[in-house]
């Protein structure tokens, strides 16, 4: 006679807020600078068992954007995350607006 015990833990949701300062930037083209077009807080919701969600923070999700193959101008860039196993991102895909500009070298002005 074999007995099996199954423990079922409820799934819960956790809401996390962060700002553009928390977003890592990857693949900024050389010779370019960028700025965020908004300072609004960004809110995301994750879902999992309580034990898994205890360790989920903005730092552990490490939000980032990729600026690959972009031209000068304004762009809406998708925010990516490192979501751990056992946790689901239930928020809709979010993006942030940035302006990308080419750096121009300053020419010194000599006053005589």
C-alpha atoms as a PDB file:
ATOM      1  CA  UNK A   1       0.000   0.000   0.000  1.00  0.00           C
ATOM      2  CA  UNK A   2       1.575   3.296  -1.126  1.00  0.00           C
ATOM      3  CA  UNK A   3       0.540   6.658   0.251  1.00  0.00           C
ATOM      4  CA  UNK A   4       1.291   9.920  -1.551  1.00  0.00           C
ATOM      5  CA  UNK A   5       0.849  13.347  -0.018  1.00  0.00           C
ATOM      6  CA  UNK A   6       0.534  16.307  -2.359  1.00  0.00           C
ATOM      7  CA  UNK A   7       0.873  19.823  -1.050  1.00  0.00           C
ATOM      8  CA  UNK A   8      -0.866  22.385  -3.216  1.00  0.00           C
ATOM      9  CA  UNK A   9       0.260  25.956  -2.696  1.00  0.00           C
ATOM     10  CA  UNK A  10      -1.851  28.811  -4.007  1.00  0.00           C
ATOM     11  CA  UNK A  11      -0.470  31.099  -6.688  1.00  0.00           C
ATOM     12  CA  UNK A  12      -0.253  34.721  -5.653  1.00  0.00           C
ATOM     13  CA  UNK A  13       0.494  37.925  -7.489  1.00  0.00           C
ATOM     14  CA  UNK A  14       3.116  40.517  -6.620  1.00  0.00           C
ATOM     15  CA  UNK A  15       3.177  44.051  -8.011  1.00  0.00           C
ATOM     16  CA  UNK A  16       6.551  45.748  -8.424  1.00  0.00           C
ATOM     17  CA  UNK A  17       7.217  49.361  -9.355  1.00  0.00           C
ATOM     18  CA  UNK A  18      10.381  50.856 -10.763  1.00  0.00           C
ATOM     19  CA  UNK A  19      11.646  53.890 -12.653  1.00  0.00           C
ATOM     20  CA  UNK A  20      13.768  54.399 -15.738  1.00  0.00           C
ATOM     21  CA  UNK A  21      16.826  54.612 -13.464  1.00  0.00           C
ATOM     22  CA  UNK A  22      16.392  50.886 -12.726  1.00  0.00           C
ATOM     23  CA  UNK A  23      16.622  49.914 -16.417  1.00  0.00           C
ATOM     24  CA  UNK A  24      19.926  48.582 -17.729  1.00  0.00           C
ATOM     25  CA  UNK A  25      20.827  49.729 -21.245  1.00  0.00           C
ATOM     26  CA  UNK A  26      22.391  47.252 -23.658  1.00  0.00           C
ATOM     27  CA  UNK A  27      23.868  47.864 -27.111  1.00  0.00           C
ATOM     28  CA  UNK A  28      23.983  51.675 -27.052  1.00  0.00           C
ATOM     29  CA  UNK A  29      25.604  52.458 -30.419  1.00  0.00           C
ATOM     30  CA  UNK A  30      29.068  53.991 -30.172  1.00  0.00           C
ATOM     31  CA  UNK A  31      28.960  57.749 -30.667  1.00  0.00           C
ATOM     32  CA  UNK A  32      25.359  58.060 -29.471  1.00  0.00           C
ATOM     33  CA  UNK A  33      23.652  59.212 -26.284  1.00  0.00           C
ATOM     34  CA  UNK A  34      20.068  58.650 -25.247  1.00  0.00           C
ATOM     35  CA  UNK A  35      17.527  60.071 -22.839  1.00  0.00           C
ATOM     36  CA  UNK A  36      14.233  58.755 -21.501  1.00  0.00           C
ATOM     37  CA  UNK A  37      11.183  60.721 -22.610  1.00  0.00           C
ATOM     38  CA  UNK A  38       9.255  59.995 -19.408  1.00  0.00           C
ATOM     39  CA  UNK A  39       9.917  59.732 -15.701  1.00  0.00           C
ATOM     40  CA  UNK A  40       6.673  57.900 -14.881  1.00  0.00           C
ATOM     41  CA  UNK A  41       6.850  54.859 -12.614  1.00  0.00           C
ATOM     42  CA  UNK A  42       6.524  51.513 -14.364  1.00  0.00           C
ATOM     43  CA  UNK A  43       4.439  48.816 -12.710  1.00  0.00           C
ATOM     44  CA  UNK A  44       4.610  45.093 -13.443  1.00  0.00           C
ATOM     45  CA  UNK A  45       2.852  42.077 -11.961  1.00  0.00           C
ATOM     46  CA  UNK A  46       4.402  38.645 -11.449  1.00  0.00           C
ATOM     47  CA  UNK A  47       2.709  35.440 -10.324  1.00  0.00           C
ATOM     48  CA  UNK A  48       3.953  32.368  -8.501  1.00  0.00           C
ATOM     49  CA  UNK A  49       3.942  30.577  -5.165  1.00  0.00           C
ATOM     50  CA  UNK A  50       4.819  32.717  -2.158  1.00  0.00           C
ATOM     51  CA  UNK A  51       8.159  30.994  -1.602  1.00  0.00           C
ATOM     52  CA  UNK A  52       9.273  31.808  -5.179  1.00  0.00           C
ATOM     53  CA  UNK A  53       8.000  35.396  -5.063  1.00  0.00           C
ATOM     54  CA  UNK A  54       9.805  36.221  -1.806  1.00  0.00           C
ATOM     55  CA  UNK A  55      13.077  36.576  -3.724  1.00  0.00           C
ATOM     56  CA  UNK A  56      11.626  38.463  -6.698  1.00  0.00           C
ATOM     57  CA  UNK A  57      12.643  42.120  -6.668  1.00  0.00           C
ATOM     58  CA  UNK A  58      13.282  44.700  -9.357  1.00  0.00           C
ATOM     59  CA  UNK A  59      16.988  44.016  -8.844  1.00  0.00           C
ATOM     60  CA  UNK A  60      16.530  40.285  -9.462  1.00  0.00           C
ATOM     61  CA  UNK A  61      14.331  40.879 -12.534  1.00  0.00           C
ATOM     62  CA  UNK A  62      17.041  43.268 -13.816  1.00  0.00           C
ATOM     63  CA  UNK A  63      14.924  45.184 -16.368  1.00  0.00           C
ATOM     64  CA  UNK A  64      16.820  46.121 -19.517  1.00  0.00           C
ATOM     65  CA  UNK A  65      16.387  47.593 -22.975  1.00  0.00           C
ATOM     66  CA  UNK A  66      18.346  46.895 -26.161  1.00  0.00           C
ATOM     67  CA  UNK A  67      19.259  49.798 -28.419  1.00  0.00           C
ATOM     68  CA  UNK A  68      20.438  47.644 -31.323  1.00  0.00           C
ATOM     69  CA  UNK A  69      20.136  48.909 -34.924  1.00  0.00           C
ATOM     70  CA  UNK A  70      18.451  52.210 -34.060  1.00  0.00           C
ATOM     71  CA  UNK A  71      18.706  55.489 -35.919  1.00  0.00           C
ATOM     72  CA  UNK A  72      18.720  58.964 -34.415  1.00  0.00           C
ATOM     73  CA  UNK A  73      15.245  59.919 -33.160  1.00  0.00           C
ATOM     74  CA  UNK A  74      12.501  58.840 -30.776  1.00  0.00           C
ATOM     75  CA  UNK A  75      11.799  55.136 -30.257  1.00  0.00           C
ATOM     76  CA  UNK A  76       9.491  52.974 -28.119  1.00  0.00           C
ATOM     77  CA  UNK A  77      11.701  50.195 -26.762  1.00  0.00           C
ATOM     78  CA  UNK A  78      10.366  46.972 -25.205  1.00  0.00           C
ATOM     79  CA  UNK A  79      11.495  46.426 -21.601  1.00  0.00           C
ATOM     80  CA  UNK A  80      12.919  42.920 -21.023  1.00  0.00           C
ATOM     81  CA  UNK A  81      13.352  41.061 -17.722  1.00  0.00           C
ATOM     82  CA  UNK A  82      15.155  38.024 -16.343  1.00  0.00           C
ATOM     83  CA  UNK A  83      12.180  36.098 -14.969  1.00  0.00           C
ATOM     84  CA  UNK A  84      13.194  33.191 -12.714  1.00  0.00           C
ATOM     85  CA  UNK A  85      11.896  29.652 -13.135  1.00  0.00           C
ATOM     86  CA  UNK A  86       8.599  29.166 -11.308  1.00  0.00           C
ATOM     87  CA  UNK A  87       7.547  32.797 -11.743  1.00  0.00           C
ATOM     88  CA  UNK A  88       5.310  34.122 -14.515  1.00  0.00           C
ATOM     89  CA  UNK A  89       5.182  37.673 -15.799  1.00  0.00           C
ATOM     90  CA  UNK A  90       1.479  38.420 -16.151  1.00  0.00           C
ATOM     91  CA  UNK A  91       1.781  42.077 -17.106  1.00  0.00           C
ATOM     92  CA  UNK A  92       1.396  42.949 -20.755  1.00  0.00           C
ATOM     93  CA  UNK A  93       4.576  43.744 -22.632  1.00  0.00           C
ATOM     94  CA  UNK A  94       5.715  47.246 -21.715  1.00  0.00           C
ATOM     95  CA  UNK A  95       7.870  49.724 -23.544  1.00  0.00           C
ATOM     96  CA  UNK A  96       9.562  53.001 -22.734  1.00  0.00           C
ATOM     97  CA  UNK A  97      10.111  55.958 -25.018  1.00  0.00           C
ATOM     98  CA  UNK A  98      13.682  57.117 -25.591  1.00  0.00           C
ATOM     99  CA  UNK A  99      15.373  59.715 -27.778  1.00  0.00           C
ATOM    100  CA  UNK A 100      18.640  58.680 -29.400  1.00  0.00           C
ATOM    101  CA  UNK A 101      21.070  61.375 -30.517  1.00  0.00           C
ATOM    102  CA  UNK A 102      24.425  61.282 -32.222  1.00  0.00           C
ATOM    103  CA  UNK A 103      27.214  62.876 -30.195  1.00  0.00           C
ATOM    104  CA  UNK A 104      28.858  65.761 -31.971  1.00  0.00           C
ATOM    105  CA  UNK A 105      32.319  66.801 -30.923  1.00  0.00           C
ATOM    106  CA  UNK A 106      32.553  70.304 -29.530  1.00  0.00           C
ATOM    107  CA  UNK A 107      34.932  72.593 -31.361  1.00  0.00           C
ATOM    108  CA  UNK A 108      36.776  74.898 -28.965  1.00  0.00           C
ATOM    109  CA  UNK A 109      36.303  78.601 -29.519  1.00  0.00           C
ATOM    110  CA  UNK A 110      39.475  80.630 -29.115  1.00  0.00           C
ATOM    111  CA  UNK A 111      39.015  84.257 -28.091  1.00  0.00           C
ATOM    112  CA  UNK A 112      41.833  86.591 -29.139  1.00  0.00           C
END
